[in-house]
C-alpha atoms as a PDB file:
ATOM      1  CA  UNK A   1     -21.150  61.605  77.558  1.00  0.00           C
ATOM      2  CA  UNK A   2     -22.609  62.318  73.898  1.00  0.00           C
ATOM      3  CA  UNK A   3     -23.509  59.700  71.485  1.00  0.00           C
ATOM      4  CA  UNK A   4     -20.882  58.218  69.148  1.00  0.00           C
ATOM      5  CA  UNK A   5     -20.717  55.465  66.894  1.00  0.00           C
ATOM      6  CA  UNK A   6     -16.698  55.642  67.538  1.00  0.00           C
ATOM      7  CA  UNK A   7     -17.116  54.742  71.069  1.00  0.00           C
ATOM      8  CA  UNK A   8     -20.083  51.916  69.804  1.00  0.00           C
ATOM      9  CA  UNK A   9     -17.539  50.595  67.881  1.00  0.00           C
ATOM     10  CA  UNK A  10     -14.104  51.012  69.966  1.00  0.00           C
ATOM     11  CA  UNK A  11     -16.388  48.767  72.255  1.00  0.00           C
ATOM     12  CA  UNK A  12     -17.214  45.969  69.877  1.00  0.00           C
ATOM     13  CA  UNK A  13     -13.587  45.696  68.562  1.00  0.00           C
ATOM     14  CA  UNK A  14     -12.551  46.027  72.794  1.00  0.00           C
ATOM     15  CA  UNK A  15     -10.408  49.216  72.250  1.00  0.00           C
ATOM     16  CA  UNK A  16     -11.826  50.604  75.579  1.00  0.00           C
ATOM     17  CA  UNK A  17     -10.028  50.044  78.810  1.00  0.00           C
ATOM     18  CA  UNK A  18     -12.443  49.670  82.216  1.00  0.00           C
ATOM     19  CA  UNK A  19     -13.063  53.111  83.121  1.00  0.00           C
ATOM     20  CA  UNK A  20     -14.151  53.832  79.602  1.00  0.00           C
ATOM     21  CA  UNK A  21     -16.286  50.680  79.039  1.00  0.00           C
ATOM     22  CA  UNK A  22     -18.161  51.547  83.020  1.00  0.00           C
ATOM     23  CA  UNK A  23     -19.354  54.905  81.726  1.00  0.00           C
ATOM     24  CA  UNK A  24     -19.970  53.378  77.981  1.00  0.00           C
ATOM     25  CA  UNK A  25     -22.222  50.871  80.114  1.00  0.00           C
ATOM     26  CA  UNK A  26     -24.416  53.758  82.191  1.00  0.00           C
ATOM     27  CA  UNK A  27     -24.966  55.767  78.916  1.00  0.00           C
ATOM     28  CA  UNK A  28     -26.416  52.652  76.919  1.00  0.00           C
ATOM     29  CA  UNK A  29     -28.671  52.290  80.014  1.00  0.00           C
ATOM     30  CA  UNK A  30     -30.169  55.168  79.317  1.00  0.00           C
ATOM     31  CA  UNK A  31     -29.794  55.773  75.689  1.00  0.00           C
ATOM     32  CA  UNK A  32     -32.161  53.567  73.597  1.00  0.00           C
ATOM     33  CA  UNK A  33     -30.665  54.888  70.343  1.00  0.00           C
ATOM     34  CA  UNK A  34     -27.368  54.129  71.124  1.00  0.00           C
ATOM     35  CA  UNK A  35     -28.177  50.767  72.634  1.00  0.00           C
ATOM     36  CA  UNK A  36     -29.961  50.377  69.200  1.00  0.00           C
ATOM     37  CA  UNK A  37     -26.879  50.948  67.189  1.00  0.00           C
ATOM     38  CA  UNK A  38     -24.628  48.707  69.334  1.00  0.00           C
ATOM     39  CA  UNK A  39     -26.662  46.202  68.513  1.00  0.00           C
ATOM     40  CA  UNK A  40     -26.965  46.696  64.866  1.00  0.00           C
ATOM     41  CA  UNK A  41     -22.729  46.804  64.654  1.00  0.00           C
ATOM     42  CA  UNK A  42     -22.991  43.725  66.546  1.00  0.00           C
ATOM     43  CA  UNK A  43     -25.084  42.156  64.087  1.00  0.00           C
ATOM     44  CA  UNK A  44     -23.162  43.848  60.953  1.00  0.00           C
ATOM     45  CA  UNK A  45     -20.027  42.928  62.722  1.00  0.00           C
ATOM     46  CA  UNK A  46     -21.180  39.047  62.957  1.00  0.00           C
ATOM     47  CA  UNK A  47     -22.787  38.892  59.354  1.00  0.00           C
ATOM     48  CA  UNK A  48     -19.073  39.803  58.498  1.00  0.00           C
ATOM     49  CA  UNK A  49     -16.813  37.326  60.343  1.00  0.00           C
ATOM     50  CA  UNK A  50     -19.463  34.427  58.753  1.00  0.00           C
ATOM     51  CA  UNK A  51     -20.075  35.702  55.172  1.00  0.00           C
ATOM     52  CA  UNK A  52     -16.400  37.563  54.149  1.00  0.00           C
ATOM     53  CA  UNK A  53     -13.962  35.991  52.441  1.00  0.00           C
ATOM     54  CA  UNK A  54     -10.700  35.595  54.670  1.00  0.00           C
ATOM     55  CA  UNK A  55      -7.493  34.339  53.515  1.00  0.00           C
ATOM     56  CA  UNK A  56      -5.748  33.224  56.233  1.00  0.00           C
ATOM     57  CA  UNK A  57      -1.279  32.959  55.816  1.00  0.00           C
ATOM     58  CA  UNK A  58       0.019  29.544  55.170  1.00  0.00           C
ATOM     59  CA  UNK A  59       1.741  27.869  58.201  1.00  0.00           C
ATOM     60  CA  UNK A  60       4.603  26.941  56.068  1.00  0.00           C
ATOM     61  CA  UNK A  61       4.850  30.110  54.840  1.00  0.00           C
ATOM     62  CA  UNK A  62       5.230  32.069  57.163  1.00  0.00           C
ATOM     63  CA  UNK A  63       7.727  29.425  58.994  1.00  0.00           C
ATOM     64  CA  UNK A  64       9.770  29.765  56.347  1.00  0.00           C
ATOM     65  CA  UNK A  65       9.431  33.313  56.392  1.00  0.00           C
ATOM     66  CA  UNK A  66      10.655  33.284  59.725  1.00  0.00           C
ATOM     67  CA  UNK A  67      13.422  31.122  59.660  1.00  0.00           C
ATOM     68  CA  UNK A  68      14.589  32.984  56.568  1.00  0.00           C
ATOM     69  CA  UNK A  69      14.962  36.743  59.034  1.00  0.00           C
ATOM     70  CA  UNK A  70      16.578  34.785  61.832  1.00  0.00           C
ATOM     71  CA  UNK A  71      18.345  33.051  59.791  1.00  0.00           C
ATOM     72  CA  UNK A  72      20.006  37.436  58.318  1.00  0.00           C
ATOM     73  CA  UNK A  73      20.033  38.691  61.147  1.00  0.00           C
ATOM     74  CA  UNK A  74      22.170  36.073  63.265  1.00  0.00           C
ATOM     75  CA  UNK A  75      25.103  36.127  59.871  1.00  0.00           C
ATOM     76  CA  UNK A  76      24.986  40.156  60.043  1.00  0.00           C
ATOM     77  CA  UNK A  77      27.205  43.028  61.808  1.00  0.00           C
ATOM     78  CA  UNK A  78      25.351  44.568  64.150  1.00  0.00           C
ATOM     79  CA  UNK A  79      25.021  48.063  62.592  1.00  0.00           C
ATOM     80  CA  UNK A  80      23.439  45.994  59.570  1.00  0.00           C
ATOM     81  CA  UNK A  81      21.441  44.103  61.407  1.00  0.00           C
ATOM     82  CA  UNK A  82      19.718  47.099  62.913  1.00  0.00           C
ATOM     83  CA  UNK A  83      19.035  48.598  59.281  1.00  0.00           C
ATOM     84  CA  UNK A  84      17.698  45.325  58.188  1.00  0.00           C
ATOM     85  CA  UNK A  85      15.609  45.006  60.817  1.00  0.00           C
ATOM     86  CA  UNK A  86      14.823  49.221  60.651  1.00  0.00           C
ATOM     87  CA  UNK A  87      13.995  47.386  56.911  1.00  0.00           C
ATOM     88  CA  UNK A  88      11.580  44.583  58.145  1.00  0.00           C
ATOM     89  CA  UNK A  89       9.699  47.320  60.270  1.00  0.00           C
ATOM     90  CA  UNK A  90       8.581  49.362  57.614  1.00  0.00           C
ATOM     91  CA  UNK A  91       7.533  46.770  55.725  1.00  0.00           C
ATOM     92  CA  UNK A  92       5.313  45.102  58.002  1.00  0.00           C
ATOM     93  CA  UNK A  93       4.116  48.695  58.367  1.00  0.00           C
ATOM     94  CA  UNK A  94       3.170  48.619  54.495  1.00  0.00           C
ATOM     95  CA  UNK A  95       1.729  45.340  54.769  1.00  0.00           C
ATOM     96  CA  UNK A  96      -0.169  46.041  57.347  1.00  0.00           C
ATOM     97  CA  UNK A  97      -1.471  49.598  55.568  1.00  0.00           C
ATOM     98  CA  UNK A  98      -2.075  47.072  52.283  1.00  0.00           C
ATOM     99  CA  UNK A  99      -4.375  44.683  55.232  1.00  0.00           C
ATOM    100  CA  UNK A 100      -6.374  47.238  55.768  1.00  0.00           C
ATOM    101  CA  UNK A 101      -7.035  48.675  52.682  1.00  0.00           C
ATOM    102  CA  UNK A 102      -7.959  45.248  51.826  1.00  0.00           C
ATOM    103  CA  UNK A 103     -10.178  44.840  54.411  1.00  0.00           C
ATOM    104  CA  UNK A 104     -12.174  47.861  53.378  1.00  0.00           C
ATOM    105  CA  UNK A 105     -12.800  46.890  50.039  1.00  0.00           C
ATOM    106  CA  UNK A 106     -14.102  43.971  50.901  1.00  0.00           C
ATOM    107  CA  UNK A 107     -15.905  45.494  53.318  1.00  0.00           C
ATOM    108  CA  UNK A 108     -17.063  47.944  50.831  1.00  0.00           C
ATOM    109  CA  UNK A 109     -18.340  45.639  48.472  1.00  0.00           C
ATOM    110  CA  UNK A 110     -19.708  42.756  51.010  1.00  0.00           C
ATOM    111  CA  UNK A 111     -21.602  46.257  52.029  1.00  0.00           C
ATOM    112  CA  UNK A 112     -22.664  47.021  48.178  1.00  0.00           C
ATOM    113  CA  UNK A 113     -23.726  43.828  47.982  1.00  0.00           C
ATOM    114  CA  UNK A 114     -26.628  43.666  50.673  1.00  0.00           C
ATOM    115  CA  UNK A 115     -27.828  47.230  49.607  1.00  0.00           C
ATOM    116  CA  UNK A 116     -28.926  45.397  46.369  1.00  0.00           C
ATOM    117  CA  UNK A 117     -29.890  42.365  47.715  1.00  0.00           C
ATOM    118  CA  UNK A 118     -31.795  44.417  49.732  1.00  0.00           C
ATOM    119  CA  UNK A 119     -33.350  46.983  46.804  1.00  0.00           C
ATOM    120  CA  UNK A 120     -34.430  43.429  44.849  1.00  0.00           C
ATOM    121  CA  UNK A 121     -36.109  41.957  47.902  1.00  0.00           C
ATOM    122  CA  UNK A 122     -37.934  45.630  47.904  1.00  0.00           C
ATOM    123  CA  UNK A 123     -38.577  45.502  43.801  1.00  0.00           C
ATOM    124  CA  UNK A 124     -40.254  42.064  44.392  1.00  0.00           C
ATOM    125  CA  UNK A 125     -42.605  42.371  47.571  1.00  0.00           C
ATOM    126  CA  UNK A 126     -43.576  46.196  45.513  1.00  0.00           C
ATOM    127  CA  UNK A 127     -44.148  44.200  42.235  1.00  0.00           C
ATOM    128  CA  UNK A 128     -46.381  41.119  43.928  1.00  0.00           C
ATOM    129  CA  UNK A 129     -47.867  44.273  46.474  1.00  0.00           C
ATOM    130  CA  UNK A 130     -49.477  45.593  43.187  1.00  0.00           C
ATOM    131  CA  UNK A 131     -50.912  42.785  41.709  1.00  0.00           C
ATOM    132  CA  UNK A 132     -52.383  41.243  45.298  1.00  0.00           C
ATOM    133  CA  UNK A 133     -54.004  44.360  46.028  1.00  0.00           C
ATOM    134  CA  UNK A 134     -56.154  47.155  45.042  1.00  0.00           C
ATOM    135  CA  UNK A 135     -53.118  49.993  44.695  1.00  0.00           C
ATOM    136  CA  UNK A 136     -51.580  48.722  40.840  1.00  0.00           C
ATOM    137  CA  UNK A 137     -52.676  52.608  39.350  1.00  0.00           C
ATOM    138  CA  UNK A 138     -52.427  55.441  40.449  1.00  0.00           C
ATOM    139  CA  UNK A 139     -53.528  57.176  37.549  1.00  0.00           C
ATOM    140  CA  UNK A 140     -55.315  54.319  35.338  1.00  0.00           C
ATOM    141  CA  UNK A 141     -54.710  55.568  31.784  1.00  0.00           C
ATOM    142  CA  UNK A 142     -53.590  54.148  28.148  1.00  0.00           C
ATOM    143  CA  UNK A 143     -52.559  57.748  26.986  1.00  0.00           C
ATOM    144  CA  UNK A 144     -48.904  58.939  27.731  1.00  0.00           C
ATOM    145  CA  UNK A 145     -49.527  62.447  27.792  1.00  0.00           C
ATOM    146  CA  UNK A 146     -52.318  62.186  30.699  1.00  0.00           C
ATOM    147  CA  UNK A 147     -49.963  59.670  32.705  1.00  0.00           C
ATOM    148  CA  UNK A 148     -47.494  61.958  32.857  1.00  0.00           C
ATOM    149  CA  UNK A 149     -48.310  65.417  33.730  1.00  0.00           C
ATOM    150  CA  UNK A 150     -50.134  63.409  36.718  1.00  0.00           C
ATOM    151  CA  UNK A 151     -46.776  62.709  38.314  1.00  0.00           C
ATOM    152  CA  UNK A 152     -46.072  66.752  38.119  1.00  0.00           C
ATOM    153  CA  UNK A 153     -45.892  67.657  41.943  1.00  0.00           C
ATOM    154  CA  UNK A 154     -45.425  64.049  43.320  1.00  0.00           C
ATOM    155  CA  UNK A 155     -41.904  63.728  42.532  1.00  0.00           C
ATOM    156  CA  UNK A 156     -39.073  65.479  42.109  1.00  0.00           C
ATOM    157  CA  UNK A 157     -38.123  64.315  38.601  1.00  0.00           C
ATOM    158  CA  UNK A 158     -40.202  63.956  36.009  1.00  0.00           C
ATOM    159  CA  UNK A 159     -40.724  60.146  34.666  1.00  0.00           C
ATOM    160  CA  UNK A 160     -40.040  59.381  30.492  1.00  0.00           C
ATOM    161  CA  UNK A 161     -43.058  57.812  29.946  1.00  0.00           C
ATOM    162  CA  UNK A 162     -43.582  55.928  26.084  1.00  0.00           C
ATOM    163  CA  UNK A 163     -46.462  54.757  24.111  1.00  0.00           C
ATOM    164  CA  UNK A 164     -45.382  51.211  23.017  1.00  0.00           C
ATOM    165  CA  UNK A 165     -49.201  49.840  22.222  1.00  0.00           C
ATOM    166  CA  UNK A 166     -48.008  49.416  18.918  1.00  0.00           C
ATOM    167  CA  UNK A 167     -44.941  47.135  19.648  1.00  0.00           C
ATOM    168  CA  UNK A 168     -47.458  45.306  21.920  1.00  0.00           C
ATOM    169  CA  UNK A 169     -46.659  47.055  25.045  1.00  0.00           C
ATOM    170  CA  UNK A 170     -49.642  49.188  25.965  1.00  0.00           C
ATOM    171  CA  UNK A 171     -49.254  51.641  28.370  1.00  0.00           C
ATOM    172  CA  UNK A 172     -52.205  50.897  31.429  1.00  0.00           C
ATOM    173  CA  UNK A 173     -51.022  53.332  33.866  1.00  0.00           C
ATOM    174  CA  UNK A 174     -48.801  54.071  36.843  1.00  0.00           C
ATOM    175  CA  UNK A 175     -48.717  54.995  40.850  1.00  0.00           C
ATOM    176  CA  UNK A 176     -45.854  55.686  43.122  1.00  0.00           C
ATOM    177  CA  UNK A 177     -44.327  53.552  44.971  1.00  0.00           C
ATOM    178  CA  UNK A 178     -41.417  53.688  47.517  1.00  0.00           C
ATOM    179  CA  UNK A 179     -38.179  52.506  46.738  1.00  0.00           C
ATOM    180  CA  UNK A 180     -34.146  53.156  47.539  1.00  0.00           C
ATOM    181  CA  UNK A 181     -35.474  55.568  50.130  1.00  0.00           C
ATOM    182  CA  UNK A 182     -37.103  57.460  47.901  1.00  0.00           C
ATOM    183  CA  UNK A 183     -40.385  58.127  45.637  1.00  0.00           C
ATOM    184  CA  UNK A 184     -40.182  56.144  43.168  1.00  0.00           C
ATOM    185  CA  UNK A 185     -43.029  56.282  39.509  1.00  0.00           C
ATOM    186  CA  UNK A 186     -44.121  52.980  39.185  1.00  0.00           C
ATOM    187  CA  UNK A 187     -45.164  52.874  35.130  1.00  0.00           C
ATOM    188  CA  UNK A 188     -47.672  49.252  34.148  1.00  0.00           C
ATOM    189  CA  UNK A 189     -47.706  47.670  31.053  1.00  0.00           C
ATOM    190  CA  UNK A 190     -49.543  44.788  29.968  1.00  0.00           C
ATOM    191  CA  UNK A 191     -48.102  42.143  27.698  1.00  0.00           C
ATOM    192  CA  UNK A 192     -51.167  39.741  26.722  1.00  0.00           C
ATOM    193  CA  UNK A 193     -52.080  38.673  29.869  1.00  0.00           C
ATOM    194  CA  UNK A 194     -48.751  39.708  31.749  1.00  0.00           C
ATOM    195  CA  UNK A 195     -48.871  42.933  34.053  1.00  0.00           C
ATOM    196  CA  UNK A 196     -45.218  44.960  34.150  1.00  0.00           C
ATOM    197  CA  UNK A 197     -44.071  47.172  36.443  1.00  0.00           C
ATOM    198  CA  UNK A 198     -41.646  49.211  35.228  1.00  0.00           C
ATOM    199  CA  UNK A 199     -39.994  50.985  38.343  1.00  0.00           C
ATOM    200  CA  UNK A 200     -38.088  54.265  37.805  1.00  0.00           C
ATOM    201  CA  UNK A 201     -36.449  57.410  39.555  1.00  0.00           C
ATOM    202  CA  UNK A 202     -32.638  59.573  39.189  1.00  0.00           C
ATOM    203  CA  UNK A 203     -29.392  57.130  38.581  1.00  0.00           C
ATOM    204  CA  UNK A 204     -27.269  57.089  41.376  1.00  0.00           C
ATOM    205  CA  UNK A 205     -24.569  55.941  40.030  1.00  0.00           C
ATOM    206  CA  UNK A 206     -24.431  56.707  35.619  1.00  0.00           C
ATOM    207  CA  UNK A 207     -23.329  53.520  33.664  1.00  0.00           C
ATOM    208  CA  UNK A 208     -23.769  50.726  36.296  1.00  0.00           C
ATOM    209  CA  UNK A 209     -23.962  47.084  34.977  1.00  0.00           C
ATOM    210  CA  UNK A 210     -27.078  45.332  34.140  1.00  0.00           C
ATOM    211  CA  UNK A 211     -28.872  43.143  36.107  1.00  0.00           C
ATOM    212  CA  UNK A 212     -30.870  40.206  35.406  1.00  0.00           C
ATOM    213  CA  UNK A 213     -32.223  37.899  38.319  1.00  0.00           C
ATOM    214  CA  UNK A 214     -35.233  35.649  38.518  1.00  0.00           C
ATOM    215  CA  UNK A 215     -37.051  34.995  41.896  1.00  0.00           C
ATOM    216  CA  UNK A 216     -39.814  33.312  42.724  1.00  0.00           C
ATOM    217  CA  UNK A 217     -41.434  33.064  39.240  1.00  0.00           C
ATOM    218  CA  UNK A 218     -40.739  36.843  38.471  1.00  0.00           C
ATOM    219  CA  UNK A 219     -38.406  37.792  36.128  1.00  0.00           C
ATOM    220  CA  UNK A 220     -36.035  41.068  37.476  1.00  0.00           C
ATOM    221  CA  UNK A 221     -33.943  43.387  34.606  1.00  0.00           C
ATOM    222  CA  UNK A 222     -32.273  46.588  35.424  1.00  0.00           C
ATOM    223  CA  UNK A 223     -31.113  49.062  33.197  1.00  0.00           C
ATOM    224  CA  UNK A 224     -30.404  52.710  33.423  1.00  0.00           C
ATOM    225  CA  UNK A 225     -30.266  55.068  30.493  1.00  0.00           C
ATOM    226  CA  UNK A 226     -29.304  58.282  30.604  1.00  0.00           C
ATOM    227  CA  UNK A 227     -30.167  59.779  34.081  1.00  0.00           C
ATOM    228  CA  UNK A 228     -32.637  57.532  35.360  1.00  0.00           C
ATOM    229  CA  UNK A 229     -32.415  53.917  36.449  1.00  0.00           C
ATOM    230  CA  UNK A 230     -35.212  51.289  35.857  1.00  0.00           C
ATOM    231  CA  UNK A 231     -36.047  48.035  36.720  1.00  0.00           C
ATOM    232  CA  UNK A 232     -38.549  45.995  34.983  1.00  0.00           C
ATOM    233  CA  UNK A 233     -40.519  43.455  36.668  1.00  0.00           C
ATOM    234  CA  UNK A 234     -43.031  41.017  35.474  1.00  0.00           C
ATOM    235  CA  UNK A 235     -43.824  37.156  35.076  1.00  0.00           C
ATOM    236  CA  UNK A 236     -43.321  37.677  31.762  1.00  0.00           C
ATOM    237  CA  UNK A 237     -40.659  35.825  29.641  1.00  0.00           C
ATOM    238  CA  UNK A 238     -37.010  37.346  30.165  1.00  0.00           C
ATOM    239  CA  UNK A 239     -36.648  38.005  26.494  1.00  0.00           C
ATOM    240  CA  UNK A 240     -40.188  40.126  26.761  1.00  0.00           C
ATOM    241  CA  UNK A 241     -38.500  41.990  29.188  1.00  0.00           C
ATOM    242  CA  UNK A 242     -35.769  42.313  27.396  1.00  0.00           C
ATOM    243  CA  UNK A 243     -37.667  43.336  24.107  1.00  0.00           C
ATOM    244  CA  UNK A 244     -39.359  46.291  26.733  1.00  0.00           C
ATOM    245  CA  UNK A 245     -35.605  47.424  27.537  1.00  0.00           C
ATOM    246  CA  UNK A 246     -35.042  47.458  23.722  1.00  0.00           C
ATOM    247  CA  UNK A 247     -38.282  49.751  23.024  1.00  0.00           C
ATOM    248  CA  UNK A 248     -37.890  51.842  25.749  1.00  0.00           C
ATOM    249  CA  UNK A 249     -34.158  52.764  25.023  1.00  0.00           C
ATOM    250  CA  UNK A 250     -34.836  53.555  20.897  1.00  0.00           C
ATOM    251  CA  UNK A 251     -38.374  54.740  20.569  1.00  0.00           C
ATOM    252  CA  UNK A 252     -39.093  58.718  21.130  1.00  0.00           C
ATOM    253  CA  UNK A 253     -41.420  60.168  23.552  1.00  0.00           C
END
């Protein structure tokens, strides 16, 4: 038996017969990858059941619809009843299709929110890690023409490095970090006694809405500009991060 996600999902949804279940169990006993995948799918299903919104049909509405259908069926001639029940069957099929679309959309939205929450948590971890360890800077320099070339060959993109010292945000260097499943550039600025990590990488979806959150005393500010996405992290006051964002958008290289 080959590894297949469809078979695992069918097992969770109880769509396999006894023979297929036995065959899958034998396969799981010998395949650690499928066993782990099944555990992840089961966990996702439980989380969806616990967190995804559910909108039950009011009992009174359901009973009212059933009574109306029964009255119409009893009052109509046989040929009309058959036609009407065909229409009812078609309406039911359309309703099921609509329900499937709603469920698909809900799951997609849920997965997207989980991905964003995971990224935000990873950003905070990267920010704190840079402050408490010895890996704040790979290239310590206040010169943008030193920092920008340092990234060449180390990333699959060229980060935009700006000199904002005159505006009160001196560049102190940069480093490479790992976020969102890829290598990213971390540009490090100072605002008085505060450190600002500015993480940047190519945007996967242009025009995404800005994000502002505060966790554990750290502000995260997200924006996109051109083909790049930016996340600024610091314990500096939130308006200061917004000032950095505005400067980054407007100032030249």
